[in-house]
């Protein structure tokens, strides 16, 4: 009887200790994930602030220029970029706050059907004055005027903004960053291609590693946390997607965001099924 009671107590002790260890492990894992999300948020907020700074510098130069005046429509365009970047920063902060409250890393509750063509234009608009400051042209090519995909809007714009700004950062002066789209079976692919210095095989193999920084001369505003591409890859995974990279040294790099199309290829308006519109669309900023 005594031996049986001892065995029961010992088993209970082992069970309690195992529970405590598992709970502590879970809490440590969640803390690590939250810390990582915080670092990613800081990185992306820095990107948005860099865009605002570039827009502000161009505004100041235009105002101070004695060779020309700042037209009302041009001023409005600059202000729209500043407002857009502030909006994305506020959305990112709100999303991060919600994540902390819910202790969720891969929250898919915000995924709805969005038009990726419009979202790409929005991401390009956020970065266009940063590109202008670097004398880099941003160009968008799409065969659709509209394409509906189930995704998280904030995550998508964060990823694309990172890829676009990365392309601009590593482009040479008077370079070009091309954003294009295509569809492959059940996947949509968004390509961001630059004609910068490119990467060798060793650099390419490490490009998605946490805290990796490419070898590039940058000014103070471009100092990197080495977490942008790593974070973008994690965000893509949280939407059941991925990012692929290819590069040729001396010719440029191409990053491709690949997301599932789910099952939607059409949308229904007032009972009428309308397919995604297909046309040749090409814009430059």
Protein backbone atom coordinates (compact mmCIF):
# COMPACT_ATOMS: atom_id res chain seq x y z
CA UNK A 1 0.00 0.00 0.00
CA UNK A 2 2.79 2.42 0.95
CA UNK A 3 4.69 1.56 -2.21
CA UNK A 4 1.60 2.14 -4.36
CA UNK A 5 1.01 5.54 -2.72
CA UNK A 6 4.66 6.46 -3.29
CA UNK A 7 4.42 5.51 -6.95
CA UNK A 8 1.24 7.59 -7.36
CA UNK A 9 2.80 10.63 -5.67
CA UNK A 10 5.99 10.27 -7.71
CA UNK A 11 3.96 9.99 -10.96
CA UNK A 12 1.95 13.04 -9.96
CA UNK A 13 5.16 14.95 -9.25
CA UNK A 14 6.61 13.96 -12.63
CA UNK A 15 3.38 15.02 -14.37
CA UNK A 16 3.34 18.43 -12.65
CA UNK A 17 6.99 19.04 -13.48
CA UNK A 18 6.41 18.04 -17.11
CA UNK A 19 3.43 20.44 -17.30
CA UNK A 20 5.50 23.30 -15.85
CA UNK A 21 8.33 22.63 -18.32
CA UNK A 22 5.94 22.55 -21.29
CA UNK A 23 4.19 25.76 -20.18
CA UNK A 24 7.51 27.54 -19.67
CA UNK A 25 8.66 26.36 -23.08
CA UNK A 26 5.44 27.64 -24.68
CA UNK A 27 5.78 31.00 -22.95
CA UNK A 28 9.42 31.29 -24.02
CA UNK A 29 8.51 30.41 -27.60
CA UNK A 30 5.71 32.97 -27.66
CA UNK A 31 8.01 35.61 -26.18
CA UNK A 32 10.60 34.89 -28.86
CA UNK A 33 7.96 35.13 -31.61
CA UNK A 34 6.62 38.39 -30.21
CA UNK A 35 10.15 39.81 -29.97
CA UNK A 36 10.78 38.83 -33.58
CA UNK A 37 7.53 40.41 -34.74
CA UNK A 38 8.49 43.59 -32.89
CA UNK A 39 11.84 43.73 -34.72
CA UNK A 40 10.12 43.14 -38.07
CA UNK A 41 7.63 45.92 -37.29
CA UNK A 42 10.47 48.32 -36.46
CA UNK A 43 12.17 47.45 -39.75
CA UNK A 44 9.04 48.10 -41.81
CA UNK A 45 8.21 51.30 -39.93
CA UNK A 46 11.75 52.47 -40.79
CA UNK A 47 10.99 51.75 -44.46
CA UNK A 48 7.85 53.88 -44.34
CA UNK A 49 9.69 56.68 -42.51
CA UNK A 50 12.43 56.54 -45.17
CA UNK A 51 9.77 57.04 -47.86
CA UNK A 52 8.34 60.00 -45.92
CA UNK A 53 11.83 61.48 -45.52
CA UNK A 54 12.56 61.15 -49.26
CA UNK A 55 9.22 62.76 -50.12
CA UNK A 56 9.88 65.59 -47.67
CA UNK A 57 13.33 66.23 -49.10
CA UNK A 58 11.95 66.48 -52.63
CA UNK A 59 9.20 68.81 -51.42
CA UNK A 60 11.76 71.02 -49.69
CA UNK A 61 13.98 71.09 -52.78
CA UNK A 62 11.01 72.07 -54.95
CA UNK A 63 9.94 74.83 -52.56
CA UNK A 64 13.47 76.23 -52.28
CA UNK A 65 14.16 76.04 -55.99
CA UNK A 66 14.29 79.41 -57.70
CA UNK A 67 14.03 77.80 -61.10
CA UNK A 68 10.50 76.56 -60.82
CA UNK A 69 7.35 76.40 -58.74
CA UNK A 70 5.56 73.48 -57.15
CA UNK A 71 2.31 72.85 -59.03
CA UNK A 72 -0.81 72.11 -56.98
CA UNK A 73 -1.28 68.63 -58.44
CA UNK A 74 2.39 67.79 -57.81
CA UNK A 75 2.10 69.02 -54.22
CA UNK A 76 -1.03 66.89 -53.76
CA UNK A 77 0.83 63.83 -55.07
CA UNK A 78 3.65 64.34 -52.56
CA UNK A 79 1.18 64.73 -49.71
CA UNK A 80 -0.67 61.56 -50.79
CA UNK A 81 2.57 59.59 -50.48
CA UNK A 82 3.21 60.95 -46.99
CA UNK A 83 -0.38 60.15 -45.92
CA UNK A 84 -0.15 56.68 -47.46
CA UNK A 85 3.06 55.82 -45.62
CA UNK A 86 1.62 57.14 -42.33
CA UNK A 87 -1.49 55.02 -42.91
CA UNK A 88 0.60 51.88 -43.41
CA UNK A 89 2.65 52.63 -40.28
CA UNK A 90 -0.51 53.09 -38.21
CA UNK A 91 -1.99 49.88 -39.61
CA UNK A 92 1.21 48.00 -38.82
CA UNK A 93 1.27 49.30 -35.23
CA UNK A 94 -2.41 48.37 -34.78
CA UNK A 95 -1.81 44.90 -36.20
CA UNK A 96 1.18 44.35 -33.91
CA UNK A 97 -0.79 45.51 -30.87
CA UNK A 98 -3.58 43.09 -31.72
CA UNK A 99 -1.07 40.27 -32.13
CA UNK A 100 0.42 40.88 -28.69
CA UNK A 101 -3.04 40.73 -27.14
CA UNK A 102 -3.94 37.50 -28.90
CA UNK A 103 -0.46 35.86 -28.68
CA UNK A 104 -0.78 34.80 -32.32
CA UNK A 105 2.04 34.74 -34.82
CA UNK A 106 0.39 33.28 -37.91
CA UNK A 107 -2.95 35.03 -37.67
CA UNK A 108 -4.94 34.44 -40.87
CA UNK A 109 -8.11 36.09 -39.59
CA UNK A 110 -7.51 39.20 -41.74
CA UNK A 111 -7.34 37.36 -45.06
CA UNK A 112 -10.03 38.49 -47.47
CA UNK A 113 -10.25 38.69 -51.25
CA UNK A 114 -8.31 41.73 -52.45
CA UNK A 115 -7.39 43.11 -55.86
CA UNK A 116 -3.62 42.60 -56.08
CA UNK A 117 -3.31 44.97 -59.06
CA UNK A 118 -4.56 47.85 -56.90
CA UNK A 119 -2.40 46.77 -53.96
CA UNK A 120 0.71 46.68 -56.17
CA UNK A 121 -0.04 50.21 -57.38
CA UNK A 122 -0.44 51.27 -53.74
CA UNK A 123 2.90 49.72 -52.73
CA UNK A 124 4.64 51.36 -55.70
CA UNK A 125 3.14 54.75 -54.81
CA UNK A 126 4.51 54.45 -51.26
CA UNK A 127 8.06 54.02 -52.58
CA UNK A 128 8.07 56.22 -55.68
CA UNK A 129 9.76 59.28 -54.13
CA UNK A 130 12.42 57.12 -52.49
CA UNK A 131 13.06 55.74 -55.98
CA UNK A 132 13.03 59.25 -57.44
CA UNK A 133 15.60 60.36 -54.87
CA UNK A 134 17.82 57.46 -56.05
CA UNK A 135 17.09 58.23 -59.74
CA UNK A 136 15.56 54.77 -60.16
CA UNK A 137 12.49 54.18 -62.31
CA UNK A 138 9.64 52.00 -61.01
CA UNK A 139 7.66 50.21 -63.70
CA UNK A 140 4.56 48.01 -63.37
CA UNK A 141 3.44 45.49 -65.98
CA UNK A 142 0.24 43.48 -65.66
CA UNK A 143 -2.03 41.63 -68.07
CA UNK A 144 -4.91 42.13 -65.65
CA UNK A 145 -6.78 45.30 -64.73
CA UNK A 146 -8.04 43.38 -61.71
CA UNK A 147 -7.02 40.15 -59.99
CA UNK A 148 -8.70 38.87 -56.84
CA UNK A 149 -6.62 36.84 -54.39
CA UNK A 150 -7.31 35.85 -50.78
CA UNK A 151 -4.63 37.53 -48.67
CA UNK A 152 -3.86 39.84 -45.77
CA UNK A 153 -3.63 43.37 -47.22
CA UNK A 154 -1.23 44.74 -44.59
CA UNK A 155 1.14 41.78 -44.91
CA UNK A 156 1.05 41.92 -48.71
CA UNK A 157 1.94 45.62 -48.83
CA UNK A 158 4.69 45.10 -46.23
CA UNK A 159 6.23 42.33 -48.33
CA UNK A 160 5.99 44.19 -51.62
CA UNK A 161 7.28 47.45 -50.11
CA UNK A 162 10.29 45.56 -48.75
CA UNK A 163 11.02 43.96 -52.12
CA UNK A 164 10.60 47.22 -54.04
CA UNK A 165 12.75 49.24 -51.63
CA UNK A 166 15.36 46.49 -51.65
CA UNK A 167 15.43 46.64 -55.46
CA UNK A 168 15.80 50.42 -55.42
CA UNK A 169 18.48 50.29 -52.73
CA UNK A 170 20.71 47.92 -54.71
CA UNK A 171 20.08 49.54 -58.11
CA UNK A 172 22.63 51.78 -59.71
CA UNK A 173 21.76 55.38 -60.54
CA UNK A 174 19.33 55.64 -63.48
CA UNK A 175 18.39 52.02 -62.87
CA UNK A 176 15.00 50.36 -63.14
CA UNK A 177 12.86 48.15 -60.92
CA UNK A 178 10.18 46.19 -62.78
CA UNK A 179 7.13 44.78 -60.96
CA UNK A 180 5.19 42.21 -62.98
CA UNK A 181 2.61 39.46 -62.44
CA UNK A 182 1.71 36.11 -63.90
CA UNK A 183 -0.38 33.08 -62.99
CA UNK A 184 0.84 29.49 -62.75
CA UNK A 185 -1.93 26.94 -62.16
CA UNK A 186 -3.19 27.64 -58.63
CA UNK A 187 -0.58 30.28 -57.81
CA UNK A 188 -0.07 33.94 -58.59
CA UNK A 189 3.47 35.25 -58.90
CA UNK A 190 4.51 38.86 -58.31
CA UNK A 191 8.02 39.53 -59.62
CA UNK A 192 10.23 42.41 -58.50
CA UNK A 193 13.26 42.65 -60.77
CA UNK A 194 16.10 45.16 -60.68
CA UNK A 195 19.08 45.72 -62.97
CA UNK A 196 21.53 46.45 -60.16
CA UNK A 197 24.77 44.79 -59.20
CA UNK A 198 23.24 41.36 -58.55
CA UNK A 199 24.58 38.68 -56.21
CA UNK A 200 26.99 35.77 -56.44
CA UNK A 201 25.93 32.25 -55.44
CA UNK A 202 27.19 32.62 -51.89
CA UNK A 203 25.27 35.86 -51.32
CA UNK A 204 22.14 34.39 -52.91
CA UNK A 205 22.23 31.35 -50.61
CA UNK A 206 22.25 33.62 -47.54
CA UNK A 207 19.88 36.37 -48.68
CA UNK A 208 16.91 35.16 -46.59
CA UNK A 209 18.92 34.51 -43.44
CA UNK A 210 18.14 36.59 -40.39
CA UNK A 211 20.45 39.62 -39.91
CA UNK A 212 22.19 39.03 -43.25
CA UNK A 213 23.24 42.26 -44.97
CA UNK A 214 24.30 42.42 -48.58
CA UNK A 215 27.58 44.03 -49.54
CA UNK A 216 26.53 47.47 -50.65
CA UNK A 217 27.61 51.06 -50.06
CA UNK A 218 24.65 52.83 -48.49
CA UNK A 219 24.03 56.25 -47.02
CA UNK A 220 22.90 56.73 -43.45
CA UNK A 221 19.21 56.48 -44.32
CA UNK A 222 19.79 53.06 -45.86
CA UNK A 223 21.42 51.39 -42.84
CA UNK A 224 19.78 47.97 -42.62
CA UNK A 225 18.69 45.71 -39.78
CA UNK A 226 19.35 42.74 -42.07
CA UNK A 227 15.85 41.44 -41.44
CA UNK A 228 13.70 42.74 -44.32
CA UNK A 229 13.88 39.72 -46.63
CA UNK A 230 13.84 37.27 -43.71
CA UNK A 231 10.70 38.95 -42.36
CA UNK A 232 9.06 39.10 -45.79
CA UNK A 233 9.59 35.37 -46.18
CA UNK A 234 7.91 34.73 -42.80
CA UNK A 235 4.97 36.95 -43.74
CA UNK A 236 4.58 35.10 -47.05
CA UNK A 237 4.55 31.76 -45.22
CA UNK A 238 1.81 33.03 -42.89
CA UNK A 239 -0.36 33.45 -46.03
CA UNK A 240 0.56 29.94 -47.30
CA UNK A 241 2.96 31.46 -49.81
CA UNK A 242 6.69 31.79 -50.34
CA UNK A 243 9.37 34.03 -51.84
CA UNK A 244 11.95 32.84 -54.36
CA UNK A 245 15.09 34.67 -55.46
CA UNK A 246 17.44 34.49 -58.41
CA UNK A 247 20.31 36.70 -59.37
CA UNK A 248 23.14 37.16 -61.84
CA UNK A 249 26.15 39.06 -60.58
CA UNK A 250 26.59 42.26 -62.51
CA UNK A 251 23.11 42.06 -64.09
CA UNK A 252 20.59 42.28 -61.25
CA UNK A 253 18.26 40.28 -59.00
CA UNK A 254 14.68 39.10 -59.11
CA UNK A 255 12.49 38.28 -56.11
CA UNK A 256 9.17 36.53 -56.66
CA UNK A 257 6.30 36.51 -54.17
CA UNK A 258 4.18 33.40 -54.77
CA UNK A 259 0.69 33.20 -53.24
CA UNK A 260 -2.12 30.65 -53.63
CA UNK A 261 -5.07 31.74 -55.75
CA UNK A 262 -7.42 29.58 -53.62
CA UNK A 263 -10.42 28.84 -55.81
CA UNK A 264 -11.51 32.30 -56.92
CA UNK A 265 -10.96 33.47 -60.46
CA UNK A 266 -14.17 35.49 -60.82
CA UNK A 267 -16.32 37.76 -58.75
CA UNK A 268 -20.08 38.01 -58.53
CA UNK A 269 -21.82 41.37 -58.75
CA UNK A 270 -25.61 41.49 -58.41
CA UNK A 271 -25.85 37.86 -59.45
CA UNK A 272 -23.71 38.34 -62.56
CA UNK A 273 -20.41 36.41 -62.70
CA UNK A 274 -17.64 38.64 -64.02
CA UNK A 275 -14.21 37.14 -64.87
CA UNK A 276 -11.01 38.92 -63.92
CA UNK A 277 -10.37 41.44 -66.67
CA UNK A 278 -7.37 40.69 -68.85
CA UNK A 279 -5.49 43.37 -70.74
CA UNK A 280 -2.01 44.64 -71.29
CA UNK A 281 -1.27 47.25 -68.64
CA UNK A 282 2.02 49.05 -68.26
CA UNK A 283 2.70 52.04 -66.06
CA UNK A 284 5.80 53.88 -64.95
CA UNK A 285 6.46 56.29 -62.10
